[in-house]
Amino acid sequence: RQAPGRQRELVATITRAGAVNYGNSMKGQFTISRDNAKNTI
């Protein structure tokens, strides 16, 4: 995400196998998921 006047920052990541990681303070508020069959996150 990129807020006005700020640098782009990484919010969350997910591997094809479903392993996830979140940026500082975002865990618990955001949930990342993916559907590999649809190439969609």
PDB file of all heavy atoms in Angstrom:
ATOM      1  N   ARG A   1       0.839  -1.192   0.000  1.00  0.00           N
ATOM      2  CA  ARG A   1       0.000   0.000   0.000  1.00  0.00           C
ATOM      3  C   ARG A   1       0.877   1.247   0.000  1.00  0.00           C
ATOM      4  O   ARG A   1       2.013   1.215   0.470  1.00  0.00           O
ATOM      5  CB  ARG A   1      -0.947   0.008   1.202  1.00  0.00           C
ATOM      6  CG  ARG A   1      -0.277   0.215   2.554  1.00  0.00           C
ATOM      7  CD  ARG A   1      -1.311   0.151   3.667  1.00  0.00           C
ATOM      8  NE  ARG A   1      -0.710   0.388   4.981  1.00  0.00           N
ATOM      9  CZ  ARG A   1      -1.375   0.320   6.131  1.00  0.00           C
ATOM     10  NH1 ARG A   1      -2.672  -0.003   6.124  1.00  0.00           N
ATOM     11  NH2 ARG A   1      -0.754   0.551   7.259  1.00  0.00           N
ATOM     12  N   GLN A   2       0.300   2.299  -0.539  1.00  0.00           N
ATOM     13  CA  GLN A   2       0.990   3.580  -0.569  1.00  0.00           C
ATOM     14  C   GLN A   2       0.015   4.665  -0.161  1.00  0.00           C
ATOM     15  O   GLN A   2      -0.963   4.926  -0.874  1.00  0.00           O
ATOM     16  CB  GLN A   2       1.584   3.862  -1.949  1.00  0.00           C
ATOM     17  CG  GLN A   2       2.448   5.107  -1.965  1.00  0.00           C
ATOM     18  CD  GLN A   2       3.279   5.209  -3.232  1.00  0.00           C
ATOM     19  OE1 GLN A   2       2.977   4.612  -4.252  1.00  0.00           O
ATOM     20  NE2 GLN A   2       4.366   5.962  -3.150  1.00  0.00           N
ATOM     21  N   ALA A   3       0.299   5.265   0.975  1.00  0.00           N
ATOM     22  CA  ALA A   3      -0.512   6.379   1.461  1.00  0.00           C
ATOM     23  C   ALA A   3       0.025   7.679   0.887  1.00  0.00           C
ATOM     24  O   ALA A   3       1.204   7.760   0.514  1.00  0.00           O
ATOM     25  CB  ALA A   3      -0.487   6.407   2.979  1.00  0.00           C
ATOM     26  N   PRO A   4      -0.803   8.709   0.816  1.00  0.00           N
ATOM     27  CA  PRO A   4      -0.351   9.998   0.272  1.00  0.00           C
ATOM     28  C   PRO A   4       0.896  10.492   0.994  1.00  0.00           C
ATOM     29  O   PRO A   4       0.937  10.533   2.229  1.00  0.00           O
ATOM     30  CB  PRO A   4      -1.545  10.918   0.516  1.00  0.00           C
ATOM     31  CG  PRO A   4      -2.716  10.005   0.572  1.00  0.00           C
ATOM     32  CD  PRO A   4      -2.230   8.745   1.200  1.00  0.00           C
ATOM     33  N   GLY A   5       1.912  10.845   0.209  1.00  0.00           N
ATOM     34  CA  GLY A   5       3.116  11.400   0.779  1.00  0.00           C
ATOM     35  C   GLY A   5       4.030  10.395   1.450  1.00  0.00           C
ATOM     36  O   GLY A   5       5.013  10.785   2.089  1.00  0.00           O
ATOM     37  N   ARG A   6       3.727   9.108   1.304  1.00  0.00           N
ATOM     38  CA  ARG A   6       4.539   8.092   1.961  1.00  0.00           C
ATOM     39  C   ARG A   6       5.044   7.084   0.944  1.00  0.00           C
ATOM     40  O   ARG A   6       4.522   6.957  -0.161  1.00  0.00           O
ATOM     41  CB  ARG A   6       3.731   7.386   3.051  1.00  0.00           C
ATOM     42  CG  ARG A   6       3.184   8.326   4.099  1.00  0.00           C
ATOM     43  CD  ARG A   6       2.610   7.580   5.271  1.00  0.00           C
ATOM     44  NE  ARG A   6       3.648   6.850   6.008  1.00  0.00           N
ATOM     45  CZ  ARG A   6       3.418   6.192   7.139  1.00  0.00           C
ATOM     46  NH1 ARG A   6       2.203   6.148   7.647  1.00  0.00           N
ATOM     47  NH2 ARG A   6       4.403   5.548   7.741  1.00  0.00           N
ATOM     48  N   GLN A   7       6.072   6.348   1.328  1.00  0.00           N
ATOM     49  CA  GLN A   7       6.601   5.305   0.456  1.00  0.00           C
ATOM     50  C   GLN A   7       5.683   4.091   0.464  1.00  0.00           C
ATOM     51  O   GLN A   7       4.956   3.845   1.430  1.00  0.00           O
ATOM     52  CB  GLN A   7       8.009   4.906   0.927  1.00  0.00           C
ATOM     53  CG  GLN A   7       9.071   5.950   0.654  1.00  0.00           C
ATOM     54  CD  GLN A   7      10.475   5.423   0.922  1.00  0.00           C
ATOM     55  OE1 GLN A   7      10.665   4.510   1.720  1.00  0.00           O
ATOM     56  NE2 GLN A   7      11.449   5.994   0.243  1.00  0.00           N
ATOM     57  N   ARG A   8       5.742   3.358  -0.611  1.00  0.00           N
ATOM     58  CA  ARG A   8       4.984   2.120  -0.688  1.00  0.00           C
ATOM     59  C   ARG A   8       5.527   1.139   0.351  1.00  0.00           C
ATOM     60  O   ARG A   8       6.734   1.017   0.529  1.00  0.00           O
ATOM     61  CB  ARG A   8       5.099   1.533  -2.096  1.00  0.00           C
ATOM     62  CG  ARG A   8       4.117   0.421  -2.402  1.00  0.00           C
ATOM     63  CD  ARG A   8       4.192   0.082  -3.875  1.00  0.00           C
ATOM     64  NE  ARG A   8       3.661   1.148  -4.703  1.00  0.00           N
ATOM     65  CZ  ARG A   8       3.800   1.206  -6.029  1.00  0.00           C
ATOM     66  NH1 ARG A   8       4.460   0.248  -6.652  1.00  0.00           N
ATOM     67  NH2 ARG A   8       3.280   2.199  -6.703  1.00  0.00           N
ATOM     68  N   GLU A   9       4.611   0.448   1.040  1.00  0.00           N
ATOM     69  CA  GLU A   9       5.039  -0.506   2.062  1.00  0.00           C
ATOM     70  C   GLU A   9       4.374  -1.853   1.837  1.00  0.00           C
ATOM     71  O   GLU A   9       3.285  -1.953   1.277  1.00  0.00           O
ATOM     72  CB  GLU A   9       4.708   0.016   3.468  1.00  0.00           C
ATOM     73  CG  GLU A   9       3.234   0.197   3.741  1.00  0.00           C
ATOM     74  CD  GLU A   9       2.938   0.602   5.186  1.00  0.00           C
ATOM     75  OE1 GLU A   9       3.775   0.327   6.076  1.00  0.00           O
ATOM     76  OE2 GLU A   9       1.863   1.174   5.434  1.00  0.00           O
ATOM     77  N   LEU A  10       5.049  -2.871   2.306  1.00  0.00           N
ATOM     78  CA  LEU A  10       4.544  -4.225   2.177  1.00  0.00           C
ATOM     79  C   LEU A  10       3.562  -4.507   3.312  1.00  0.00           C
ATOM     80  O   LEU A  10       3.892  -4.313   4.480  1.00  0.00           O
ATOM     81  CB  LEU A  10       5.700  -5.219   2.210  1.00  0.00           C
ATOM     82  CG  LEU A  10       5.365  -6.686   2.030  1.00  0.00           C
ATOM     83  CD1 LEU A  10       4.719  -6.947   0.682  1.00  0.00           C
ATOM     84  CD2 LEU A  10       6.642  -7.522   2.173  1.00  0.00           C
ATOM     85  N   VAL A  11       2.388  -4.977   2.951  1.00  0.00           N
ATOM     86  CA  VAL A  11       1.341  -5.231   3.941  1.00  0.00           C
ATOM     87  C   VAL A  11       1.341  -6.696   4.389  1.00  0.00           C
ATOM     88  O   VAL A  11       1.311  -6.990   5.577  1.00  0.00           O
ATOM     89  CB  VAL A  11      -0.041  -4.867   3.363  1.00  0.00           C
ATOM     90  CG1 VAL A  11      -1.168  -5.284   4.307  1.00  0.00           C
ATOM     91  CG2 VAL A  11      -0.113  -3.383   3.054  1.00  0.00           C
ATOM     92  N   ALA A  12       1.359  -7.590   3.408  1.00  0.00           N
ATOM     93  CA  ALA A  12       1.268  -9.017   3.725  1.00  0.00           C
ATOM     94  C   ALA A  12       1.758  -9.821   2.533  1.00  0.00           C
ATOM     95  O   ALA A  12       1.675  -9.356   1.391  1.00  0.00           O
ATOM     96  CB  ALA A  12      -0.175  -9.408   4.053  1.00  0.00           C
ATOM     97  N   THR A  13       2.253 -11.013   2.807  1.00  0.00           N
ATOM     98  CA  THR A  13       2.712 -11.902   1.750  1.00  0.00           C
ATOM     99  C   THR A  13       2.128 -13.294   1.950  1.00  0.00           C
ATOM    100  O   THR A  13       1.778 -13.680   3.080  1.00  0.00           O
ATOM    101  CB  THR A  13       4.241 -12.017   1.718  1.00  0.00           C
ATOM    102  OG1 THR A  13       4.692 -12.681   2.914  1.00  0.00           O
ATOM    103  CG2 THR A  13       4.890 -10.648   1.635  1.00  0.00           C
ATOM    104  N   ILE A  14       2.064 -14.028   0.836  1.00  0.00           N
ATOM    105  CA  ILE A  14       1.574 -15.405   0.911  1.00  0.00           C
ATOM    106  C   ILE A  14       2.272 -16.240  -0.154  1.00  0.00           C
ATOM    107  O   ILE A  14       2.424 -15.795  -1.295  1.00  0.00           O
ATOM    108  CB  ILE A  14       0.030 -15.457   0.755  1.00  0.00           C
ATOM    109  CG1 ILE A  14      -0.482 -16.884   0.989  1.00  0.00           C
ATOM    110  CG2 ILE A  14      -0.424 -14.895  -0.583  1.00  0.00           C
ATOM    111  CD1 ILE A  14      -1.988 -16.954   1.176  1.00  0.00           C
ATOM    112  N   THR A  15       2.719 -17.420   0.218  1.00  0.00           N
ATOM    113  CA  THR A  15       3.338 -18.318  -0.744  1.00  0.00           C
ATOM    114  C   THR A  15       2.271 -19.156  -1.431  1.00  0.00           C
ATOM    115  O   THR A  15       1.104 -19.183  -1.023  1.00  0.00           O
ATOM    116  CB  THR A  15       4.334 -19.262  -0.061  1.00  0.00           C
ATOM    117  OG1 THR A  15       3.597 -20.198   0.761  1.00  0.00           O
ATOM    118  CG2 THR A  15       5.322 -18.504   0.801  1.00  0.00           C
ATOM    119  N   ARG A  16       2.684 -19.853  -2.453  1.00  0.00           N
ATOM    120  CA  ARG A  16       1.742 -20.715  -3.161  1.00  0.00           C
ATOM    121  C   ARG A  16       1.196 -21.795  -2.225  1.00  0.00           C
ATOM    122  O   ARG A  16       0.054 -22.242  -2.381  1.00  0.00           O
ATOM    123  CB  ARG A  16       2.412 -21.352  -4.377  1.00  0.00           C
ATOM    124  CG  ARG A  16       1.440 -22.030  -5.332  1.00  0.00           C
ATOM    125  CD  ARG A  16       2.172 -22.567  -6.545  1.00  0.00           C
ATOM    126  NE  ARG A  16       2.581 -21.514  -7.448  1.00  0.00           N
ATOM    127  CZ  ARG A  16       3.815 -21.376  -7.946  1.00  0.00           C
ATOM    128  NH1 ARG A  16       4.760 -22.229  -7.618  1.00  0.00           N
ATOM    129  NH2 ARG A  16       4.103 -20.407  -8.774  1.00  0.00           N
ATOM    130  N   ALA A  17       1.977 -22.183  -1.255  1.00  0.00           N
ATOM    131  CA  ALA A  17       1.551 -23.205  -0.299  1.00  0.00           C
ATOM    132  C   ALA A  17       0.680 -22.649   0.822  1.00  0.00           C
ATOM    133  O   ALA A  17       0.134 -23.412   1.619  1.00  0.00           O
ATOM    134  CB  ALA A  17       2.773 -23.892   0.304  1.00  0.00           C
ATOM    135  N   GLY A  18       0.582 -21.316   0.891  1.00  0.00           N
ATOM    136  CA  GLY A  18      -0.302 -20.700   1.882  1.00  0.00           C
ATOM    137  C   GLY A  18       0.379 -20.161   3.120  1.00  0.00           C
ATOM    138  O   GLY A  18      -0.302 -19.706   4.045  1.00  0.00           O
ATOM    139  N   ALA A  19       1.701 -20.172   3.148  1.00  0.00           N
ATOM    140  CA  ALA A  19       2.401 -19.575   4.281  1.00  0.00           C
ATOM    141  C   ALA A  19       2.289 -18.059   4.193  1.00  0.00           C
ATOM    142  O   ALA A  19       2.503 -17.482   3.120  1.00  0.00           O
ATOM    143  CB  ALA A  19       3.859 -20.009   4.285  1.00  0.00           C
ATOM    144  N   VAL A  20       1.966 -17.426   5.317  1.00  0.00           N
ATOM    145  CA  VAL A  20       1.694 -15.986   5.295  1.00  0.00           C
ATOM    146  C   VAL A  20       2.633 -15.237   6.234  1.00  0.00           C
ATOM    147  O   VAL A  20       3.143 -15.780   7.210  1.00  0.00           O
ATOM    148  CB  VAL A  20       0.229 -15.694   5.673  1.00  0.00           C
ATOM    149  CG1 VAL A  20      -0.721 -16.381   4.698  1.00  0.00           C
ATOM    150  CG2 VAL A  20      -0.053 -16.105   7.100  1.00  0.00           C
ATOM    151  N   ASN A  21       2.819 -13.967   5.906  1.00  0.00           N
ATOM    152  CA  ASN A  21       3.534 -13.038   6.767  1.00  0.00           C
ATOM    153  C   ASN A  21       2.877 -11.676   6.652  1.00  0.00           C
ATOM    154  O   ASN A  21       2.340 -11.328   5.590  1.00  0.00           O
ATOM    155  CB  ASN A  21       5.009 -12.930   6.374  1.00  0.00           C
ATOM    156  CG  ASN A  21       5.860 -13.951   7.093  1.00  0.00           C
ATOM    157  OD1 ASN A  21       5.965 -13.941   8.314  1.00  0.00           O
ATOM    158  ND2 ASN A  21       6.456 -14.838   6.337  1.00  0.00           N
ATOM    159  N   TYR A  22       2.953 -10.912   7.735  1.00  0.00           N
ATOM    160  CA  TYR A  22       2.317  -9.610   7.768  1.00  0.00           C
ATOM    161  C   TYR A  22       3.314  -8.543   8.179  1.00  0.00           C
ATOM    162  O   TYR A  22       4.258  -8.802   8.928  1.00  0.00           O
ATOM    163  CB  TYR A  22       1.144  -9.612   8.751  1.00  0.00           C
ATOM    164  CG  TYR A  22       0.035 -10.547   8.323  1.00  0.00           C
ATOM    165  CD1 TYR A  22      -0.002 -11.859   8.787  1.00  0.00           C
ATOM    166  CD2 TYR A  22      -0.950 -10.123   7.441  1.00  0.00           C
ATOM    167  CE1 TYR A  22      -1.005 -12.733   8.378  1.00  0.00           C
ATOM    168  CE2 TYR A  22      -1.956 -10.985   7.031  1.00  0.00           C
ATOM    169  CZ  TYR A  22      -1.977 -12.285   7.497  1.00  0.00           C
ATOM    170  OH  TYR A  22      -2.966 -13.132   7.077  1.00  0.00           O
ATOM    171  N   GLY A  23       3.041  -7.321   7.713  1.00  0.00           N
ATOM    172  CA  GLY A  23       3.846  -6.203   8.128  1.00  0.00           C
ATOM    173  C   GLY A  23       3.585  -5.864   9.586  1.00  0.00           C
ATOM    174  O   GLY A  23       2.632  -6.346  10.202  1.00  0.00           O
ATOM    175  N   ASN A  24       4.458  -5.010  10.113  1.00  0.00           N
ATOM    176  CA  ASN A  24       4.316  -4.610  11.512  1.00  0.00           C
ATOM    177  C   ASN A  24       2.927  -4.032  11.767  1.00  0.00           C
ATOM    178  O   ASN A  24       2.430  -3.242  10.999  1.00  0.00           O
ATOM    179  CB  ASN A  24       5.369  -3.555  11.854  1.00  0.00           C
ATOM    180  CG  ASN A  24       6.771  -4.147  11.843  1.00  0.00           C
ATOM    181  OD1 ASN A  24       6.946  -5.336  12.021  1.00  0.00           O
ATOM    182  ND2 ASN A  24       7.757  -3.299  11.630  1.00  0.00           N
ATOM    183  N   SER A  25       2.328  -4.435  12.823  1.00  0.00           N
ATOM    184  CA  SER A  25       1.045  -3.944  13.327  1.00  0.00           C
ATOM    185  C   SER A  25      -0.154  -4.341  12.472  1.00  0.00           C
ATOM    186  O   SER A  25      -1.274  -3.951  12.756  1.00  0.00           O
ATOM    187  CB  SER A  25       1.053  -2.414  13.508  1.00  0.00           C
ATOM    188  OG  SER A  25       0.929  -1.776  12.252  1.00  0.00           O
ATOM    189  N   MET A  26       0.059  -5.119  11.413  1.00  0.00           N
ATOM    190  CA  MET A  26      -1.059  -5.487  10.547  1.00  0.00           C
ATOM    191  C   MET A  26      -1.619  -6.861  10.865  1.00  0.00           C
ATOM    192  O   MET A  26      -2.730  -7.186  10.466  1.00  0.00           O
ATOM    193  CB  MET A  26      -0.632  -5.415   9.095  1.00  0.00           C
ATOM    194  CG  MET A  26      -0.216  -4.003   8.700  1.00  0.00           C
ATOM    195  SD  MET A  26       0.561  -3.912   7.107  1.00  0.00           S
ATOM    196  CE  MET A  26       1.179  -2.228   7.104  1.00  0.00           C
ATOM    197  N   LYS A  27      -0.825  -7.674  11.545  1.00  0.00           N
ATOM    198  CA  LYS A  27      -1.304  -9.002  11.893  1.00  0.00           C
ATOM    199  C   LYS A  27      -2.477  -8.873  12.856  1.00  0.00           C
ATOM    200  O   LYS A  27      -2.420  -8.103  13.808  1.00  0.00           O
ATOM    201  CB  LYS A  27      -0.186  -9.812  12.539  1.00  0.00           C
ATOM    202  CG  LYS A  27      -0.524 -11.272  12.744  1.00  0.00           C
ATOM    203  CD  LYS A  27       0.671 -12.028  13.259  1.00  0.00           C
ATOM    204  CE  LYS A  27       0.367 -13.519  13.398  1.00  0.00           C
ATOM    205  NZ  LYS A  27       1.535 -14.277  13.898  1.00  0.00           N
ATOM    206  N   GLY A  28      -3.525  -9.610  12.569  1.00  0.00           N
ATOM    207  CA  GLY A  28      -4.721  -9.531  13.388  1.00  0.00           C
ATOM    208  C   GLY A  28      -5.771  -8.605  12.818  1.00  0.00           C
ATOM    209  O   GLY A  28      -6.950  -8.754  13.096  1.00  0.00           O
ATOM    210  N   GLN A  29      -5.348  -7.643  12.040  1.00  0.00           N
ATOM    211  CA  GLN A  29      -6.284  -6.731  11.406  1.00  0.00           C
ATOM    212  C   GLN A  29      -6.541  -7.135   9.949  1.00  0.00           C
ATOM    213  O   GLN A  29      -7.648  -7.009   9.450  1.00  0.00           O
ATOM    214  CB  GLN A  29      -5.749  -5.306  11.444  1.00  0.00           C
ATOM    215  CG  GLN A  29      -6.722  -4.282  10.878  1.00  0.00           C
ATOM    216  CD  GLN A  29      -6.120  -2.899  10.720  1.00  0.00           C
ATOM    217  OE1 GLN A  29      -4.948  -2.681  10.990  1.00  0.00           O
ATOM    218  NE2 GLN A  29      -6.932  -1.960  10.293  1.00  0.00           N
ATOM    219  N   PHE A  30      -5.484  -7.597   9.269  1.00  0.00           N
ATOM    220  CA  PHE A  30      -5.580  -7.993   7.877  1.00  0.00           C
ATOM    221  C   PHE A  30      -5.366  -9.501   7.755  1.00  0.00           C
ATOM    222  O   PHE A  30      -4.595 -10.088   8.514  1.00  0.00           O
ATOM    223  CB  PHE A  30      -4.515  -7.288   7.035  1.00  0.00           C
ATOM    224  CG  PHE A  30      -4.681  -5.789   6.949  1.00  0.00           C
ATOM    225  CD1 PHE A  30      -3.644  -5.019   6.457  1.00  0.00           C
ATOM    226  CD2 PHE A  30      -5.849  -5.159   7.321  1.00  0.00           C
ATOM    227  CE1 PHE A  30      -3.772  -3.636   6.344  1.00  0.00           C
ATOM    228  CE2 PHE A  30      -5.996  -3.787   7.221  1.00  0.00           C
ATOM    229  CZ  PHE A  30      -4.942  -3.024   6.726  1.00  0.00           C
ATOM    230  N   THR A  31      -6.031 -10.092   6.787  1.00  0.00           N
ATOM    231  CA  THR A  31      -5.843 -11.518   6.489  1.00  0.00           C
ATOM    232  C   THR A  31      -5.651 -11.693   4.996  1.00  0.00           C
ATOM    233  O   THR A  31      -6.527 -11.308   4.207  1.00  0.00           O
ATOM    234  CB  THR A  31      -7.039 -12.358   6.953  1.00  0.00           C
ATOM    235  OG1 THR A  31      -7.249 -12.174   8.353  1.00  0.00           O
ATOM    236  CG2 THR A  31      -6.782 -13.843   6.677  1.00  0.00           C
ATOM    237  N   ILE A  32      -4.519 -12.258   4.613  1.00  0.00           N
ATOM    238  CA  ILE A  32      -4.241 -12.511   3.207  1.00  0.00           C
ATOM    239  C   ILE A  32      -4.551 -13.970   2.899  1.00  0.00           C
ATOM    240  O   ILE A  32      -4.338 -14.857   3.734  1.00  0.00           O
ATOM    241  CB  ILE A  32      -2.773 -12.172   2.862  1.00  0.00           C
ATOM    242  CG1 ILE A  32      -2.542 -12.236   1.352  1.00  0.00           C
ATOM    243  CG2 ILE A  32      -1.805 -13.056   3.625  1.00  0.00           C
ATOM    244  CD1 ILE A  32      -1.166 -11.699   0.924  1.00  0.00           C
ATOM    245  N   SER A  33      -5.077 -14.210   1.720  1.00  0.00           N
ATOM    246  CA  SER A  33      -5.364 -15.572   1.279  1.00  0.00           C
ATOM    247  C   SER A  33      -5.204 -15.633  -0.233  1.00  0.00           C
ATOM    248  O   SER A  33      -5.065 -14.593  -0.886  1.00  0.00           O
ATOM    249  CB  SER A  33      -6.772 -15.994   1.700  1.00  0.00           C
ATOM    250  OG  SER A  33      -7.748 -15.135   1.143  1.00  0.00           O
ATOM    251  N   ARG A  34      -5.217 -16.830  -0.775  1.00  0.00           N
ATOM    252  CA  ARG A  34      -5.086 -16.950  -2.229  1.00  0.00           C
ATOM    253  C   ARG A  34      -5.841 -18.173  -2.727  1.00  0.00           C
ATOM    254  O   ARG A  34      -6.010 -19.150  -1.986  1.00  0.00           O
ATOM    255  CB  ARG A  34      -3.630 -16.969  -2.676  1.00  0.00           C
ATOM    256  CG  ARG A  34      -2.831 -18.201  -2.356  1.00  0.00           C
ATOM    257  CD  ARG A  34      -1.343 -17.982  -2.649  1.00  0.00           C
ATOM    258  NE  ARG A  34      -1.033 -18.022  -4.077  1.00  0.00           N
ATOM    259  CZ  ARG A  34       0.163 -17.707  -4.579  1.00  0.00           C
ATOM    260  NH1 ARG A  34       1.144 -17.293  -3.773  1.00  0.00           N
ATOM    261  NH2 ARG A  34       0.395 -17.788  -5.880  1.00  0.00           N
ATOM    262  N   ASP A  35      -6.254 -18.083  -3.969  1.00  0.00           N
ATOM    263  CA  ASP A  35      -6.892 -19.188  -4.673  1.00  0.00           C
ATOM    264  C   ASP A  35      -6.003 -19.499  -5.866  1.00  0.00           C
ATOM    265  O   ASP A  35      -6.043 -18.778  -6.877  1.00  0.00           O
ATOM    266  CB  ASP A  35      -8.305 -18.799  -5.109  1.00  0.00           C
ATOM    267  CG  ASP A  35      -9.058 -19.945  -5.750  1.00  0.00           C
ATOM    268  OD1 ASP A  35      -8.413 -20.846  -6.323  1.00  0.00           O
ATOM    269  OD2 ASP A  35     -10.292 -19.939  -5.696  1.00  0.00           O
ATOM    270  N   ASN A  36      -5.177 -20.517  -5.756  1.00  0.00           N
ATOM    271  CA  ASN A  36      -4.209 -20.818  -6.811  1.00  0.00           C
ATOM    272  C   ASN A  36      -4.896 -21.190  -8.123  1.00  0.00           C
ATOM    273  O   ASN A  36      -4.377 -20.899  -9.202  1.00  0.00           O
ATOM    274  CB  ASN A  36      -3.274 -21.934  -6.368  1.00  0.00           C
ATOM    275  CG  ASN A  36      -2.357 -21.513  -5.245  1.00  0.00           C
ATOM    276  OD1 ASN A  36      -1.950 -20.353  -5.167  1.00  0.00           O
ATOM    277  ND2 ASN A  36      -2.047 -22.435  -4.351  1.00  0.00           N
ATOM    278  N   ALA A  37      -6.037 -21.820  -8.031  1.00  0.00           N
ATOM    279  CA  ALA A  37      -6.746 -22.216  -9.253  1.00  0.00           C
ATOM    280  C   ALA A  37      -7.197 -21.000 -10.055  1.00  0.00           C
ATOM    281  O   ALA A  37      -7.356 -21.073 -11.272  1.00  0.00           O
ATOM    282  CB  ALA A  37      -7.930 -23.090  -8.904  1.00  0.00           C
ATOM    283  N   LYS A  38      -7.398 -19.883  -9.364  1.00  0.00           N
ATOM    284  CA  LYS A  38      -7.871 -18.669 -10.034  1.00  0.00           C
ATOM    285  C   LYS A  38      -6.773 -17.621 -10.166  1.00  0.00           C
ATOM    286  O   LYS A  38      -7.049 -16.501 -10.620  1.00  0.00           O
ATOM    287  CB  LYS A  38      -9.051 -18.068  -9.255  1.00  0.00           C
ATOM    288  CG  LYS A  38     -10.278 -18.965  -9.188  1.00  0.00           C
ATOM    289  CD  LYS A  38     -11.395 -18.292  -8.401  1.00  0.00           C
ATOM    290  CE  LYS A  38     -12.632 -19.177  -8.349  1.00  0.00           C
ATOM    291  NZ  LYS A  38     -13.725 -18.550  -7.551  1.00  0.00           N
ATOM    292  N   ASN A  39      -5.553 -17.959  -9.743  1.00  0.00           N
ATOM    293  CA  ASN A  39      -4.447 -16.977  -9.751  1.00  0.00           C
ATOM    294  C   ASN A  39      -4.886 -15.671  -9.071  1.00  0.00           C
ATOM    295  O   ASN A  39      -4.613 -14.577  -9.577  1.00  0.00           O
ATOM    296  CB  ASN A  39      -3.966 -16.691 -11.176  1.00  0.00           C
ATOM    297  CG  ASN A  39      -3.235 -17.867 -11.788  1.00  0.00           C
ATOM    298  OD1 ASN A  39      -2.778 -18.767 -11.091  1.00  0.00           O
ATOM    299  ND2 ASN A  39      -3.135 -17.867 -13.103  1.00  0.00           N
ATOM    300  N   THR A  40      -5.551 -15.806  -7.972  1.00  0.00           N
ATOM    301  CA  THR A  40      -6.127 -14.656  -7.278  1.00  0.00           C
ATOM    302  C   THR A  40      -5.688 -14.647  -5.824  1.00  0.00           C
ATOM    303  O   THR A  40      -5.656 -15.695  -5.170  1.00  0.00           O
ATOM    304  CB  THR A  40      -7.661 -14.700  -7.344  1.00  0.00           C
ATOM    305  OG1 THR A  40      -8.075 -14.691  -8.717  1.00  0.00           O
ATOM    306  CG2 THR A  40      -8.268 -13.504  -6.634  1.00  0.00           C
ATOM    307  N   ILE A  41      -5.336 -13.459  -5.341  1.00  0.00           N
ATOM    308  CA  ILE A  41      -5.085 -13.294  -3.914  1.00  0.00           C
ATOM    309  C   ILE A  41      -6.078 -12.289  -3.357  1.00  0.00           C
ATOM    310  O   ILE A  41      -6.625 -11.457  -4.103  1.00  0.00           O
ATOM    311  CB  ILE A  41      -3.633 -12.874  -3.600  1.00  0.00           C
ATOM    312  CG1 ILE A  41      -3.328 -11.469  -4.142  1.00  0.00           C
ATOM    313  CG2 ILE A  41      -2.640 -13.894  -4.124  1.00  0.00           C
ATOM    314  CD1 ILE A  41      -2.016 -10.909  -3.602  1.00  0.00           C
TER     315      ILE A  41
END
